[in-house]
Amino acid sequence: KDNGIGAGPFCGFVWKINPRVSMFTEANFYAQYTTTYRYL
């Protein structure tokens, strides 16, 4: 079982095909605090 919570910035570029449809890509840099529990 893994549980995590985090936050971070992102940025990207958008190509507007028309007023209603767009395509885009983005990059991000997240910091996340995670707890891991494994058992047999």
Full PDB file with SEQRES, HELIX, SHEET, SSBOND, CRYST1, ORIGX, SCALE, CONECT and MASTER records, all heavy atoms in Angstrom:
SEQRES   1 A   40  LYS ASP ASN GLY ILE GLY ALA GLY PRO PHE CYS GLY PHE          
SEQRES   2 A   40  VAL TRP LYS ILE ASN PRO ARG VAL SER MET PHE THR GLU          
SEQRES   3 A   40  ALA ASN PHE TYR ALA GLN TYR THR THR THR TYR ARG TYR          
SEQRES   4 A   40  LEU                                                          
SHEET    1 AA1 2 ASP A   2  ALA A   7  0                                        
SHEET    2 AA1 2 ALA A  31  THR A  36 -1                                        
SHEET    1 AA2 2 PHE A  10  LYS A  16  0                                        
SHEET    2 AA2 2 SER A  22  ASN A  28 -1                                        
CRYST1    1.000    1.000    1.000  90.00  90.00  90.00 P 1           1          
ORIGX1      1.000000  0.000000  0.000000        0.00000                         
ORIGX2      0.000000  1.000000  0.000000        0.00000                         
ORIGX3      0.000000  0.000000  1.000000        0.00000                         
SCALE1      1.000000  0.000000  0.000000        0.00000                         
SCALE2      0.000000  1.000000  0.000000        0.00000                         
SCALE3      0.000000  0.000000  1.000000        0.00000                         
ATOM      1  N   LYS A   1       0.856  -1.186   0.000  1.00  0.00           N  
ATOM      2  CA  LYS A   1       0.000   0.000   0.000  1.00  0.00           C  
ATOM      3  C   LYS A   1       0.892   1.236   0.000  1.00  0.00           C  
ATOM      4  O   LYS A   1       1.783   1.364   0.833  1.00  0.00           O  
ATOM      5  CB  LYS A   1      -0.912   0.019   1.224  1.00  0.00           C  
ATOM      6  CG  LYS A   1      -1.921  -1.118   1.265  1.00  0.00           C  
ATOM      7  CD  LYS A   1      -2.805  -1.014   2.506  1.00  0.00           C  
ATOM      8  CE  LYS A   1      -3.820  -2.158   2.556  1.00  0.00           C  
ATOM      9  NZ  LYS A   1      -4.682  -2.070   3.764  1.00  0.00           N  
ATOM     10  N   ASP A   2       0.635   2.123  -0.957  1.00  0.00           N  
ATOM     11  CA  ASP A   2       1.369   3.383  -1.050  1.00  0.00           C  
ATOM     12  C   ASP A   2       0.371   4.544  -1.005  1.00  0.00           C  
ATOM     13  O   ASP A   2      -0.617   4.542  -1.753  1.00  0.00           O  
ATOM     14  CB  ASP A   2       2.172   3.464  -2.347  1.00  0.00           C  
ATOM     15  CG  ASP A   2       3.256   2.415  -2.424  1.00  0.00           C  
ATOM     16  OD1 ASP A   2       4.364   2.687  -1.944  1.00  0.00           O  
ATOM     17  OD2 ASP A   2       2.989   1.318  -2.953  1.00  0.00           O  
ATOM     18  N   ASN A   3       0.642   5.523  -0.175  1.00  0.00           N  
ATOM     19  CA  ASN A   3      -0.167   6.733  -0.094  1.00  0.00           C  
ATOM     20  C   ASN A   3       0.754   7.942  -0.194  1.00  0.00           C  
ATOM     21  O   ASN A   3       1.817   7.976   0.441  1.00  0.00           O  
ATOM     22  CB  ASN A   3      -0.951   6.794   1.220  1.00  0.00           C  
ATOM     23  CG  ASN A   3      -1.966   5.676   1.339  1.00  0.00           C  
ATOM     24  OD1 ASN A   3      -2.868   5.550   0.526  1.00  0.00           O  
ATOM     25  ND2 ASN A   3      -1.819   4.853   2.359  1.00  0.00           N  
ATOM     26  N   GLY A   4       0.343   8.914  -0.990  1.00  0.00           N  
ATOM     27  CA  GLY A   4       1.197  10.080  -1.171  1.00  0.00           C  
ATOM     28  C   GLY A   4       0.405  11.360  -1.337  1.00  0.00           C  
ATOM     29  O   GLY A   4      -0.769  11.345  -1.745  1.00  0.00           O  
ATOM     30  N   ILE A   5       1.037  12.465  -0.993  1.00  0.00           N  
ATOM     31  CA  ILE A   5       0.465  13.793  -1.204  1.00  0.00           C  
ATOM     32  C   ILE A   5       1.597  14.726  -1.586  1.00  0.00           C  
ATOM     33  O   ILE A   5       2.714  14.609  -1.059  1.00  0.00           O  
ATOM     34  CB  ILE A   5      -0.280  14.288   0.052  1.00  0.00           C  
ATOM     35  CG1 ILE A   5      -0.985  15.614  -0.237  1.00  0.00           C  
ATOM     36  CG2 ILE A   5       0.666  14.416   1.238  1.00  0.00           C  
ATOM     37  CD1 ILE A   5      -1.922  16.040   0.870  1.00  0.00           C  
ATOM     38  N   GLY A   6       1.334  15.634  -2.527  1.00  0.00           N  
ATOM     39  CA  GLY A   6       2.409  16.504  -2.980  1.00  0.00           C  
ATOM     40  C   GLY A   6       1.898  17.719  -3.716  1.00  0.00           C  
ATOM     41  O   GLY A   6       0.690  17.958  -3.824  1.00  0.00           O  
ATOM     42  N   ALA A   7       2.833  18.505  -4.236  1.00  0.00           N  
ATOM     43  CA  ALA A   7       2.510  19.724  -4.966  1.00  0.00           C  
ATOM     44  C   ALA A   7       3.711  20.118  -5.806  1.00  0.00           C  
ATOM     45  O   ALA A   7       4.811  19.597  -5.619  1.00  0.00           O  
ATOM     46  CB  ALA A   7       2.128  20.852  -4.014  1.00  0.00           C  
ATOM     47  N   GLY A   8       3.482  21.041  -6.731  1.00  0.00           N  
ATOM     48  CA  GLY A   8       4.588  21.506  -7.554  1.00  0.00           C  
ATOM     49  C   GLY A   8       4.139  22.379  -8.705  1.00  0.00           C  
ATOM     50  O   GLY A   8       2.943  22.447  -9.031  1.00  0.00           O  
ATOM     51  N   PRO A   9       5.088  23.071  -9.364  1.00  0.00           N  
ATOM     52  CA  PRO A   9       4.767  23.935 -10.492  1.00  0.00           C  
ATOM     53  C   PRO A   9       4.702  23.162 -11.802  1.00  0.00           C  
ATOM     54  O   PRO A   9       5.214  22.048 -11.926  1.00  0.00           O  
ATOM     55  CB  PRO A   9       5.936  24.916 -10.507  1.00  0.00           C  
ATOM     56  CG  PRO A   9       7.077  24.102  -9.989  1.00  0.00           C  
ATOM     57  CD  PRO A   9       6.497  23.147  -8.970  1.00  0.00           C  
ATOM     58  N   PHE A  10       4.058  23.772 -12.786  1.00  0.00           N  
ATOM     59  CA  PHE A  10       3.988  23.215 -14.136  1.00  0.00           C  
ATOM     60  C   PHE A  10       3.956  24.364 -15.134  1.00  0.00           C  
ATOM     61  O   PHE A  10       3.674  25.522 -14.782  1.00  0.00           O  
ATOM     62  CB  PHE A  10       2.745  22.331 -14.311  1.00  0.00           C  
ATOM     63  CG  PHE A  10       1.445  23.071 -14.152  1.00  0.00           C  
ATOM     64  CD1 PHE A  10       0.840  23.721 -15.222  1.00  0.00           C  
ATOM     65  CD2 PHE A  10       0.814  23.126 -12.915  1.00  0.00           C  
ATOM     66  CE1 PHE A  10      -0.348  24.410 -15.061  1.00  0.00           C  
ATOM     67  CE2 PHE A  10      -0.378  23.801 -12.744  1.00  0.00           C  
ATOM     68  CZ  PHE A  10      -0.964  24.452 -13.821  1.00  0.00           C  
ATOM     69  N   CYS A  11       4.245  24.053 -16.401  1.00  0.00           N  
ATOM     70  CA  CYS A  11       4.144  25.032 -17.476  1.00  0.00           C  
ATOM     71  C   CYS A  11       4.006  24.298 -18.797  1.00  0.00           C  
ATOM     72  O   CYS A  11       4.335  23.112 -18.907  1.00  0.00           O  
ATOM     73  CB  CYS A  11       5.362  25.967 -17.497  1.00  0.00           C  
ATOM     74  SG  CYS A  11       6.927  25.134 -17.857  1.00  0.00           S  
ATOM     75  N   GLY A  12       3.506  24.991 -19.799  1.00  0.00           N  
ATOM     76  CA  GLY A  12       3.314  24.338 -21.089  1.00  0.00           C  
ATOM     77  C   GLY A  12       2.922  25.317 -22.175  1.00  0.00           C  
ATOM     78  O   GLY A  12       2.764  26.527 -21.940  1.00  0.00           O  
ATOM     79  N   PHE A  13       2.766  24.788 -23.402  1.00  0.00           N  
ATOM     80  CA  PHE A  13       2.375  25.568 -24.569  1.00  0.00           C  
ATOM     81  C   PHE A  13       1.109  24.990 -25.187  1.00  0.00           C  
ATOM     82  O   PHE A  13       0.921  23.775 -25.206  1.00  0.00           O  
ATOM     83  CB  PHE A  13       3.491  25.587 -25.621  1.00  0.00           C  
ATOM     84  CG  PHE A  13       4.645  26.469 -25.258  1.00  0.00           C  
ATOM     85  CD1 PHE A  13       5.762  25.948 -24.611  1.00  0.00           C  
ATOM     86  CD2 PHE A  13       4.611  27.826 -25.553  1.00  0.00           C  
ATOM     87  CE1 PHE A  13       6.824  26.759 -24.276  1.00  0.00           C  
ATOM     88  CE2 PHE A  13       5.678  28.643 -25.218  1.00  0.00           C  
ATOM     89  CZ  PHE A  13       6.787  28.108 -24.578  1.00  0.00           C  
ATOM     90  N   VAL A  14       0.258  25.877 -25.685  1.00  0.00           N  
ATOM     91  CA  VAL A  14      -1.022  25.499 -26.299  1.00  0.00           C  
ATOM     92  C   VAL A  14      -1.028  25.942 -27.749  1.00  0.00           C  
ATOM     93  O   VAL A  14      -0.623  27.071 -28.071  1.00  0.00           O  
ATOM     94  CB  VAL A  14      -2.210  26.148 -25.553  1.00  0.00           C  
ATOM     95  CG1 VAL A  14      -3.530  25.771 -26.219  1.00  0.00           C  
ATOM     96  CG2 VAL A  14      -2.213  25.732 -24.083  1.00  0.00           C  
ATOM     97  N   TRP A  15      -1.492  25.060 -28.621  1.00  0.00           N  
ATOM     98  CA  TRP A  15      -1.756  25.403 -30.016  1.00  0.00           C  
ATOM     99  C   TRP A  15      -3.258  25.385 -30.216  1.00  0.00           C  
ATOM    100  O   TRP A  15      -3.891  24.349 -30.099  1.00  0.00           O  
ATOM    101  CB  TRP A  15      -1.076  24.416 -30.971  1.00  0.00           C  
ATOM    102  CG  TRP A  15      -1.428  24.660 -32.414  1.00  0.00           C  
ATOM    103  CD1 TRP A  15      -1.501  25.858 -33.062  1.00  0.00           C  
ATOM    104  CD2 TRP A  15      -1.779  23.676 -33.398  1.00  0.00           C  
ATOM    105  NE1 TRP A  15      -1.857  25.692 -34.374  1.00  0.00           N  
ATOM    106  CE2 TRP A  15      -2.036  24.357 -34.606  1.00  0.00           C  
ATOM    107  CE3 TRP A  15      -1.887  22.286 -33.359  1.00  0.00           C  
ATOM    108  CZ2 TRP A  15      -2.415  23.686 -35.769  1.00  0.00           C  
ATOM    109  CZ3 TRP A  15      -2.250  21.624 -34.522  1.00  0.00           C  
ATOM    110  CH2 TRP A  15      -2.509  22.319 -35.707  1.00  0.00           C  
ATOM    111  N   LYS A  16      -3.829  26.553 -30.486  1.00  0.00           N  
ATOM    112  CA  LYS A  16      -5.285  26.694 -30.646  1.00  0.00           C  
ATOM    113  C   LYS A  16      -5.659  26.404 -32.099  1.00  0.00           C  
ATOM    114  O   LYS A  16      -5.434  27.213 -32.992  1.00  0.00           O  
ATOM    115  CB  LYS A  16      -5.717  28.094 -30.222  1.00  0.00           C  
ATOM    116  CG  LYS A  16      -5.507  28.351 -28.735  1.00  0.00           C  
ATOM    117  CD  LYS A  16      -5.880  29.764 -28.346  1.00  0.00           C  
ATOM    118  CE  LYS A  16      -4.779  30.741 -28.732  1.00  0.00           C  
ATOM    119  NZ  LYS A  16      -5.038  32.103 -28.217  1.00  0.00           N  
ATOM    120  N   ILE A  17      -6.264  25.242 -32.304  1.00  0.00           N  
ATOM    121  CA  ILE A  17      -6.679  24.849 -33.654  1.00  0.00           C  
ATOM    122  C   ILE A  17      -7.820  25.732 -34.134  1.00  0.00           C  
ATOM    123  O   ILE A  17      -7.846  26.196 -35.272  1.00  0.00           O  
ATOM    124  CB  ILE A  17      -7.087  23.364 -33.669  1.00  0.00           C  
ATOM    125  CG1 ILE A  17      -5.903  22.501 -33.211  1.00  0.00           C  
ATOM    126  CG2 ILE A  17      -7.552  22.942 -35.053  1.00  0.00           C  
ATOM    127  CD1 ILE A  17      -6.241  21.036 -33.063  1.00  0.00           C  
ATOM    128  N   ASN A  18      -8.801  25.959 -33.280  1.00  0.00           N  
ATOM    129  CA  ASN A  18      -9.909  26.870 -33.531  1.00  0.00           C  
ATOM    130  C   ASN A  18     -10.396  27.363 -32.173  1.00  0.00           C  
ATOM    131  O   ASN A  18      -9.858  26.952 -31.141  1.00  0.00           O  
ATOM    132  CB  ASN A  18     -11.016  26.199 -34.363  1.00  0.00           C  
ATOM    133  CG  ASN A  18     -11.602  24.969 -33.690  1.00  0.00           C  
ATOM    134  OD1 ASN A  18     -11.955  24.996 -32.506  1.00  0.00           O  
ATOM    135  ND2 ASN A  18     -11.695  23.870 -34.436  1.00  0.00           N  
ATOM    136  N   PRO A  19     -11.395  28.254 -32.111  1.00  0.00           N  
ATOM    137  CA  PRO A  19     -11.823  28.784 -30.804  1.00  0.00           C  
ATOM    138  C   PRO A  19     -12.282  27.728 -29.809  1.00  0.00           C  
ATOM    139  O   PRO A  19     -12.326  28.005 -28.612  1.00  0.00           O  
ATOM    140  CB  PRO A  19     -12.972  29.734 -31.175  1.00  0.00           C  
ATOM    141  CG  PRO A  19     -12.659  30.172 -32.568  1.00  0.00           C  
ATOM    142  CD  PRO A  19     -12.054  28.966 -33.225  1.00  0.00           C  
ATOM    143  N   ARG A  20     -12.606  26.522 -30.265  1.00  0.00           N  
ATOM    144  CA  ARG A  20     -13.122  25.522 -29.348  1.00  0.00           C  
ATOM    145  C   ARG A  20     -12.172  24.360 -29.103  1.00  0.00           C  
ATOM    146  O   ARG A  20     -12.285  23.672 -28.094  1.00  0.00           O  
ATOM    147  CB  ARG A  20     -14.462  24.972 -29.870  1.00  0.00           C  
ATOM    148  CG  ARG A  20     -15.559  26.009 -29.989  1.00  0.00           C  
ATOM    149  CD  ARG A  20     -16.895  25.366 -30.240  1.00  0.00           C  
ATOM    150  NE  ARG A  20     -17.308  24.549 -29.111  1.00  0.00           N  
ATOM    151  CZ  ARG A  20     -18.469  23.889 -29.058  1.00  0.00           C  
ATOM    152  NH1 ARG A  20     -19.301  23.945 -30.097  1.00  0.00           N  
ATOM    153  NH2 ARG A  20     -18.779  23.179 -27.997  1.00  0.00           N  
ATOM    154  N   VAL A  21     -11.242  24.107 -29.996  1.00  0.00           N  
ATOM    155  CA  VAL A  21     -10.370  22.937 -29.901  1.00  0.00           C  
ATOM    156  C   VAL A  21      -8.914  23.384 -29.830  1.00  0.00           C  
ATOM    157  O   VAL A  21      -8.482  24.230 -30.624  1.00  0.00           O  
ATOM    158  CB  VAL A  21     -10.580  21.983 -31.093  1.00  0.00           C  
ATOM    159  CG1 VAL A  21      -9.678  20.758 -30.974  1.00  0.00           C  
ATOM    160  CG2 VAL A  21     -12.038  21.558 -31.194  1.00  0.00           C  
ATOM    161  N   SER A  22      -8.180  22.808 -28.880  1.00  0.00           N  
ATOM    162  CA  SER A  22      -6.766  23.124 -28.723  1.00  0.00           C  
ATOM    163  C   SER A  22      -5.988  21.850 -28.420  1.00  0.00           C  
ATOM    164  O   SER A  22      -6.552  20.862 -27.928  1.00  0.00           O  
ATOM    165  CB  SER A  22      -6.546  24.130 -27.576  1.00  0.00           C  
ATOM    166  OG  SER A  22      -7.254  25.322 -27.798  1.00  0.00           O  
ATOM    167  N   MET A  23      -4.712  21.884 -28.703  1.00  0.00           N  
ATOM    168  CA  MET A  23      -3.793  20.809 -28.323  1.00  0.00           C  
ATOM    169  C   MET A  23      -2.656  21.432 -27.538  1.00  0.00           C  
ATOM    170  O   MET A  23      -2.221  22.552 -27.834  1.00  0.00           O  
ATOM    171  CB  MET A  23      -3.258  20.080 -29.555  1.00  0.00           C  
ATOM    172  CG  MET A  23      -4.321  19.353 -30.356  1.00  0.00           C  
ATOM    173  SD  MET A  23      -3.638  18.406 -31.737  1.00  0.00           S  
ATOM    174  CE  MET A  23      -2.824  17.084 -30.835  1.00  0.00           C  
ATOM    175  N   PHE A  24      -2.150  20.705 -26.516  1.00  0.00           N  
ATOM    176  CA  PHE A  24      -1.085  21.278 -25.708  1.00  0.00           C  
ATOM    177  C   PHE A  24      -0.252  20.181 -25.066  1.00  0.00           C  
ATOM    178  O   PHE A  24      -0.631  19.007 -25.025  1.00  0.00           O  
ATOM    179  CB  PHE A  24      -1.657  22.212 -24.630  1.00  0.00           C  
ATOM    180  CG  PHE A  24      -2.484  21.536 -23.574  1.00  0.00           C  
ATOM    181  CD1 PHE A  24      -1.913  21.089 -22.391  1.00  0.00           C  
ATOM    182  CD2 PHE A  24      -3.842  21.365 -23.751  1.00  0.00           C  
ATOM    183  CE1 PHE A  24      -2.669  20.482 -21.410  1.00  0.00           C  
ATOM    184  CE2 PHE A  24      -4.619  20.759 -22.768  1.00  0.00           C  
ATOM    185  CZ  PHE A  24      -4.027  20.319 -21.603  1.00  0.00           C  
ATOM    186  N   THR A  25       0.904  20.584 -24.572  1.00  0.00           N  
ATOM    187  CA  THR A  25       1.784  19.715 -23.814  1.00  0.00           C  
ATOM    188  C   THR A  25       2.311  20.516 -22.639  1.00  0.00           C  
ATOM    189  O   THR A  25       2.275  21.757 -22.643  1.00  0.00           O  
ATOM    190  CB  THR A  25       2.941  19.193 -24.673  1.00  0.00           C  
ATOM    191  OG1 THR A  25       3.707  18.243 -23.921  1.00  0.00           O  
ATOM    192  CG2 THR A  25       3.843  20.311 -25.133  1.00  0.00           C  
ATOM    193  N   GLU A  26       2.783  19.818 -21.601  1.00  0.00           N  
ATOM    194  CA  GLU A  26       3.242  20.525 -20.413  1.00  0.00           C  
ATOM    195  C   GLU A  26       4.320  19.729 -19.690  1.00  0.00           C  
ATOM    196  O   GLU A  26       4.442  18.511 -19.847  1.00  0.00           O  
ATOM    197  CB  GLU A  26       2.078  20.817 -19.462  1.00  0.00           C  
ATOM    198  CG  GLU A  26       1.464  19.581 -18.837  1.00  0.00           C  
ATOM    199  CD  GLU A  26       0.353  19.945 -17.850  1.00  0.00           C  
ATOM    200  OE1 GLU A  26      -0.645  20.546 -18.280  1.00  0.00           O  
ATOM    201  OE2 GLU A  26       0.497  19.624 -16.657  1.00  0.00           O  
ATOM    202  N   ALA A  27       5.107  20.440 -18.890  1.00  0.00           N  
ATOM    203  CA  ALA A  27       6.113  19.844 -18.021  1.00  0.00           C  
ATOM    204  C   ALA A  27       5.776  20.213 -16.579  1.00  0.00           C  
ATOM    205  O   ALA A  27       5.095  21.205 -16.320  1.00  0.00           O  
ATOM    206  CB  ALA A  27       7.506  20.355 -18.386  1.00  0.00           C  
ATOM    207  N   ASN A  28       6.267  19.400 -15.633  1.00  0.00           N  
ATOM    208  CA  ASN A  28       5.991  19.698 -14.235  1.00  0.00           C  
ATOM    209  C   ASN A  28       7.151  19.225 -13.362  1.00  0.00           C  
ATOM    210  O   ASN A  28       8.014  18.463 -13.806  1.00  0.00           O  
ATOM    211  CB  ASN A  28       4.672  19.070 -13.777  1.00  0.00           C  
ATOM    212  CG  ASN A  28       4.652  17.567 -13.946  1.00  0.00           C  
ATOM    213  OD1 ASN A  28       5.410  16.842 -13.306  1.00  0.00           O  
ATOM    214  ND2 ASN A  28       3.765  17.071 -14.808  1.00  0.00           N  
ATOM    215  N   PHE A  29       7.118  19.677 -12.127  1.00  0.00           N  
ATOM    216  CA  PHE A  29       8.140  19.292 -11.154  1.00  0.00           C  
ATOM    217  C   PHE A  29       7.446  19.158  -9.797  1.00  0.00           C  
ATOM    218  O   PHE A  29       7.242  20.140  -9.083  1.00  0.00           O  
ATOM    219  CB  PHE A  29       9.259  20.331 -11.086  1.00  0.00           C  
ATOM    220  CG  PHE A  29      10.409  19.912 -10.214  1.00  0.00           C  
ATOM    221  CD1 PHE A  29      11.384  19.052 -10.696  1.00  0.00           C  
ATOM    222  CD2 PHE A  29      10.520  20.365  -8.918  1.00  0.00           C  
ATOM    223  CE1 PHE A  29      12.450  18.664  -9.896  1.00  0.00           C  
ATOM    224  CE2 PHE A  29      11.578  19.984  -8.104  1.00  0.00           C  
ATOM    225  CZ  PHE A  29      12.539  19.127  -8.589  1.00  0.00           C  
ATOM    226  N   TYR A  30       7.056  17.927  -9.457  1.00  0.00           N  
ATOM    227  CA  TYR A  30       6.301  17.673  -8.240  1.00  0.00           C  
ATOM    228  C   TYR A  30       7.206  17.158  -7.131  1.00  0.00           C  
ATOM    229  O   TYR A  30       8.136  16.376  -7.376  1.00  0.00           O  
ATOM    230  CB  TYR A  30       5.197  16.640  -8.478  1.00  0.00           C  
ATOM    231  CG  TYR A  30       4.116  17.088  -9.427  1.00  0.00           C  
ATOM    232  CD1 TYR A  30       3.627  16.228 -10.414  1.00  0.00           C  
ATOM    233  CD2 TYR A  30       3.567  18.355  -9.342  1.00  0.00           C  
ATOM    234  CE1 TYR A  30       2.634  16.633 -11.281  1.00  0.00           C  
ATOM    235  CE2 TYR A  30       2.569  18.767 -10.206  1.00  0.00           C  
ATOM    236  CZ  TYR A  30       2.106  17.906 -11.179  1.00  0.00           C  
ATOM    237  OH  TYR A  30       1.126  18.315 -12.034  1.00  0.00           O  
ATOM    238  N   ALA A  31       6.911  17.585  -5.914  1.00  0.00           N  
ATOM    239  CA  ALA A  31       7.503  17.010  -4.710  1.00  0.00           C  
ATOM    240  C   ALA A  31       6.392  16.268  -3.980  1.00  0.00           C  
ATOM    241  O   ALA A  31       5.316  16.827  -3.758  1.00  0.00           O  
ATOM    242  CB  ALA A  31       8.097  18.090  -3.821  1.00  0.00           C  
ATOM    243  N   GLN A  32       6.642  15.012  -3.623  1.00  0.00           N  
ATOM    244  CA  GLN A  32       5.588  14.190  -3.035  1.00  0.00           C  
ATOM    245  C   GLN A  32       6.098  13.426  -1.820  1.00  0.00           C  
ATOM    246  O   GLN A  32       7.188  12.834  -1.843  1.00  0.00           O  
ATOM    247  CB  GLN A  32       5.049  13.202  -4.072  1.00  0.00           C  
ATOM    248  CG  GLN A  32       3.860  12.390  -3.588  1.00  0.00           C  
ATOM    249  CD  GLN A  32       3.080  11.782  -4.736  1.00  0.00           C  
ATOM    250  OE1 GLN A  32       2.803  12.441  -5.733  1.00  0.00           O  
ATOM    251  NE2 GLN A  32       2.719  10.528  -4.596  1.00  0.00           N  
ATOM    252  N   TYR A  33       5.300  13.470  -0.758  1.00  0.00           N  
ATOM    253  CA  TYR A  33       5.579  12.717   0.459  1.00  0.00           C  
ATOM    254  C   TYR A  33       4.801  11.408   0.384  1.00  0.00           C  
ATOM    255  O   TYR A  33       3.569  11.409   0.237  1.00  0.00           O  
ATOM    256  CB  TYR A  33       5.166  13.525   1.680  1.00  0.00           C  
ATOM    257  CG  TYR A  33       5.286  12.757   2.990  1.00  0.00           C  
ATOM    258  CD1 TYR A  33       6.524  12.567   3.589  1.00  0.00           C  
ATOM    259  CD2 TYR A  33       4.161  12.235   3.611  1.00  0.00           C  
ATOM    260  CE1 TYR A  33       6.636  11.876   4.787  1.00  0.00           C  
ATOM    261  CE2 TYR A  33       4.256  11.542   4.803  1.00  0.00           C  
ATOM    262  CZ  TYR A  33       5.491  11.367   5.387  1.00  0.00           C  
ATOM    263  OH  TYR A  33       5.596  10.671   6.573  1.00  0.00           O  
ATOM    264  N   THR A  34       5.503  10.279   0.468  1.00  0.00           N  
ATOM    265  CA  THR A  34       4.894   8.970   0.240  1.00  0.00           C  
ATOM    266  C   THR A  34       5.194   8.030   1.402  1.00  0.00           C  
ATOM    267  O   THR A  34       6.324   7.984   1.899  1.00  0.00           O  
ATOM    268  CB  THR A  34       5.425   8.344  -1.065  1.00  0.00           C  
ATOM    269  OG1 THR A  34       5.200   9.243  -2.148  1.00  0.00           O  
ATOM    270  CG2 THR A  34       4.708   7.034  -1.368  1.00  0.00           C  
ATOM    271  N   THR A  35       4.163   7.287   1.803  1.00  0.00           N  
ATOM    272  CA  THR A  35       4.344   6.213   2.782  1.00  0.00           C  
ATOM    273  C   THR A  35       4.112   4.883   2.080  1.00  0.00           C  
ATOM    274  O   THR A  35       3.196   4.750   1.258  1.00  0.00           O  
ATOM    275  CB  THR A  35       3.357   6.346   3.951  1.00  0.00           C  
ATOM    276  OG1 THR A  35       2.013   6.251   3.468  1.00  0.00           O  
ATOM    277  CG2 THR A  35       3.538   7.684   4.663  1.00  0.00           C  
ATOM    278  N   THR A  36       4.959   3.910   2.384  1.00  0.00           N  
ATOM    279  CA  THR A  36       4.890   2.583   1.759  1.00  0.00           C  
ATOM    280  C   THR A  36       4.833   1.513   2.849  1.00  0.00           C  
ATOM    281  O   THR A  36       5.621   1.541   3.796  1.00  0.00           O  
ATOM    282  CB  THR A  36       6.113   2.332   0.870  1.00  0.00           C  
ATOM    283  OG1 THR A  36       6.174   3.340  -0.146  1.00  0.00           O  
ATOM    284  CG2 THR A  36       6.028   0.960   0.208  1.00  0.00           C  
ATOM    285  N   TYR A  37       3.881   0.580   2.679  1.00  0.00           N  
ATOM    286  CA  TYR A  37       3.737  -0.514   3.642  1.00  0.00           C  
ATOM    287  C   TYR A  37       3.554  -1.814   2.863  1.00  0.00           C  
ATOM    288  O   TYR A  37       2.599  -1.974   2.112  1.00  0.00           O  
ATOM    289  CB  TYR A  37       2.528  -0.263   4.551  1.00  0.00           C  
ATOM    290  CG  TYR A  37       2.337  -1.316   5.627  1.00  0.00           C  
ATOM    291  CD1 TYR A  37       3.193  -1.387   6.711  1.00  0.00           C  
ATOM    292  CD2 TYR A  37       1.299  -2.239   5.548  1.00  0.00           C  
ATOM    293  CE1 TYR A  37       3.029  -2.343   7.708  1.00  0.00           C  
ATOM    294  CE2 TYR A  37       1.110  -3.202   6.523  1.00  0.00           C  
ATOM    295  CZ  TYR A  37       1.977  -3.243   7.607  1.00  0.00           C  
ATOM    296  OH  TYR A  37       1.801  -4.207   8.572  1.00  0.00           O  
ATOM    297  N   ARG A  38       4.491  -2.751   3.030  1.00  0.00           N  
ATOM    298  CA  ARG A  38       4.429  -4.054   2.371  1.00  0.00           C  
ATOM    299  C   ARG A  38       4.575  -5.155   3.416  1.00  0.00           C  
ATOM    300  O   ARG A  38       5.387  -5.043   4.333  1.00  0.00           O  
ATOM    301  CB  ARG A  38       5.533  -4.203   1.315  1.00  0.00           C  
ATOM    302  CG  ARG A  38       5.413  -3.278   0.135  1.00  0.00           C  
ATOM    303  CD  ARG A  38       6.325  -3.692  -1.010  1.00  0.00           C  
ATOM    304  NE  ARG A  38       7.702  -3.870  -0.580  1.00  0.00           N  
ATOM    305  CZ  ARG A  38       8.407  -4.991  -0.742  1.00  0.00           C  
ATOM    306  NH1 ARG A  38       7.854  -6.060  -1.316  1.00  0.00           N  
ATOM    307  NH2 ARG A  38       9.662  -5.066  -0.332  1.00  0.00           N  
ATOM    308  N   TYR A  39       3.795  -6.209   3.228  1.00  0.00           N  
ATOM    309  CA  TYR A  39       3.885  -7.325   4.172  1.00  0.00           C  
ATOM    310  C   TYR A  39       3.617  -8.643   3.460  1.00  0.00           C  
ATOM    311  O   TYR A  39       2.975  -8.691   2.393  1.00  0.00           O  
ATOM    312  CB  TYR A  39       2.896  -7.141   5.330  1.00  0.00           C  
ATOM    313  CG  TYR A  39       1.438  -7.160   4.916  1.00  0.00           C  
ATOM    314  CD1 TYR A  39       0.699  -8.351   4.914  1.00  0.00           C  
ATOM    315  CD2 TYR A  39       0.784  -5.988   4.549  1.00  0.00           C  
ATOM    316  CE1 TYR A  39      -0.639  -8.375   4.543  1.00  0.00           C  
ATOM    317  CE2 TYR A  39      -0.538  -6.003   4.184  1.00  0.00           C  
ATOM    318  CZ  TYR A  39      -1.247  -7.201   4.187  1.00  0.00           C  
ATOM    319  OH  TYR A  39      -2.575  -7.216   3.817  1.00  0.00           O  
ATOM    320  N   LEU A  40       4.115  -9.715   4.059  1.00  0.00           N  
ATOM    321  CA  LEU A  40       3.954 -11.072   3.547  1.00  0.00           C  
ATOM    322  C   LEU A  40       3.018 -11.838   4.479  1.00  0.00           C  
ATOM    323  O   LEU A  40       3.236 -11.883   5.690  1.00  0.00           O  
ATOM    324  CB  LEU A  40       5.302 -11.775   3.473  1.00  0.00           C  
ATOM    325  CG  LEU A  40       5.274 -13.286   3.194  1.00  0.00           C  
ATOM    326  CD1 LEU A  40       4.717 -13.573   1.801  1.00  0.00           C  
ATOM    327  CD2 LEU A  40       6.664 -13.882   3.364  1.00  0.00           C  
TER     328      LEU A  40                                                      
MASTER        0    0    0    0    4    0    0    6  327    1    0    4          
END                                                                             
